Amino acid sequence: MSAASDAKRMFVENLNSFGNEQNQPEKYNLYLGLIYLAASVEQIQQDLEQVKQLLAKRY
């Protein structure tokens, strides 16, 4: 697992534990935003790995 995957998992745990949308919308939005950010980093890492593999095949 990558650091981004670990971070996303931890943010999901925090959202489920502390991110009540009605009572604490700031925490809810914070953790949800961090989840999306970690997911984006994870996707970038996957895309970069694919680019590296394609470049390795070309050279």
C-alpha atoms as a PDB file:
ATOM      1  CA  MET A   1       0.000   0.000   0.000  1.00  0.00           C
ATOM      2  CA  SER A   2       1.177   3.476  -0.762  1.00  0.00           C
ATOM      3  CA  ALA A   3       1.291   6.397   1.617  1.00  0.00           C
ATOM      4  CA  ALA A   4      -1.610   7.960  -0.314  1.00  0.00           C
ATOM      5  CA  SER A   5      -3.710   4.821   0.188  1.00  0.00           C
ATOM      6  CA  ASP A   6      -2.900   4.774   3.883  1.00  0.00           C
ATOM      7  CA  ALA A   7      -3.759   8.465   4.207  1.00  0.00           C
ATOM      8  CA  LYS A   8      -7.063   7.971   2.393  1.00  0.00           C
ATOM      9  CA  ARG A   9      -7.976   5.085   4.690  1.00  0.00           C
ATOM     10  CA  MET A  10      -7.168   7.159   7.770  1.00  0.00           C
ATOM     11  CA  PHE A  11      -9.176  10.133   6.511  1.00  0.00           C
ATOM     12  CA  VAL A  12     -12.146   7.842   5.869  1.00  0.00           C
ATOM     13  CA  GLU A  13     -11.856   6.538   9.440  1.00  0.00           C
ATOM     14  CA  ASN A  14     -11.789  10.101  10.762  1.00  0.00           C
ATOM     15  CA  LEU A  15     -14.743  11.105   8.616  1.00  0.00           C
ATOM     16  CA  ASN A  16     -16.748   8.188   9.943  1.00  0.00           C
ATOM     17  CA  SER A  17     -15.744   8.904  13.539  1.00  0.00           C
ATOM     18  CA  PHE A  18     -15.718  12.683  13.724  1.00  0.00           C
ATOM     19  CA  GLY A  19     -17.227  14.128  10.556  1.00  0.00           C
ATOM     20  CA  ASN A  20     -20.885  14.598  11.326  1.00  0.00           C
ATOM     21  CA  GLU A  21     -22.299  16.566   8.401  1.00  0.00           C
ATOM     22  CA  GLN A  22     -25.051  18.174  10.473  1.00  0.00           C
ATOM     23  CA  ASN A  23     -23.275  18.909  13.762  1.00  0.00           C
ATOM     24  CA  GLN A  24     -19.723  19.507  12.534  1.00  0.00           C
ATOM     25  CA  PRO A  25     -19.839  20.524   8.890  1.00  0.00           C
ATOM     26  CA  GLU A  26     -16.307  21.966   9.028  1.00  0.00           C
ATOM     27  CA  LYS A  27     -14.785  18.636  10.058  1.00  0.00           C
ATOM     28  CA  TYR A  28     -16.992  16.784   7.598  1.00  0.00           C
ATOM     29  CA  ASN A  29     -15.838  19.017   4.733  1.00  0.00           C
ATOM     30  CA  LEU A  30     -12.222  18.867   5.869  1.00  0.00           C
ATOM     31  CA  TYR A  31     -12.070  15.074   5.976  1.00  0.00           C
ATOM     32  CA  LEU A  32     -14.033  14.699   2.755  1.00  0.00           C
ATOM     33  CA  GLY A  33     -11.690  17.133   1.014  1.00  0.00           C
ATOM     34  CA  LEU A  34      -8.663  15.265   2.336  1.00  0.00           C
ATOM     35  CA  ILE A  35     -10.128  11.990   1.071  1.00  0.00           C
ATOM     36  CA  TYR A  36     -10.522  13.481  -2.407  1.00  0.00           C
ATOM     37  CA  LEU A  37      -7.006  14.921  -2.262  1.00  0.00           C
ATOM     38  CA  ALA A  38      -5.482  11.584  -1.237  1.00  0.00           C
ATOM     39  CA  ALA A  39      -7.472   9.791  -3.959  1.00  0.00           C
ATOM     40  CA  SER A  40      -6.140  12.269  -6.526  1.00  0.00           C
ATOM     41  CA  VAL A  41      -2.563  11.724  -5.373  1.00  0.00           C
ATOM     42  CA  GLU A  42      -3.133   7.982  -5.583  1.00  0.00           C
ATOM     43  CA  GLN A  43      -4.412   8.337  -9.168  1.00  0.00           C
ATOM     44  CA  ILE A  44      -1.438  10.501 -10.141  1.00  0.00           C
ATOM     45  CA  GLN A  45       0.919   7.866  -8.743  1.00  0.00           C
ATOM     46  CA  GLN A  46      -0.813   5.161 -10.803  1.00  0.00           C
ATOM     47  CA  ASP A  47      -0.722   7.295 -13.936  1.00  0.00           C
ATOM     48  CA  LEU A  48       2.967   8.058 -13.416  1.00  0.00           C
ATOM     49  CA  GLU A  49       3.727   4.368 -13.046  1.00  0.00           C
ATOM     50  CA  GLN A  50       1.946   3.685 -16.349  1.00  0.00           C
ATOM     51  CA  VAL A  51       3.961   6.414 -18.065  1.00  0.00           C
ATOM     52  CA  LYS A  52       7.183   4.934 -16.691  1.00  0.00           C
ATOM     53  CA  GLN A  53       6.219   1.508 -17.997  1.00  0.00           C
ATOM     54  CA  LEU A  54       5.411   2.884 -21.440  1.00  0.00           C
ATOM     55  CA  LEU A  55       8.695   4.769 -21.567  1.00  0.00           C
ATOM     56  CA  ALA A  56      10.605   1.670 -20.512  1.00  0.00           C
ATOM     57  CA  LYS A  57       9.075  -0.249 -23.435  1.00  0.00           C
ATOM     58  CA  ARG A  58      10.092   2.458 -25.904  1.00  0.00           C
ATOM     59  CA  TYR A  59      13.743   2.563 -24.888  1.00  0.00           C
END
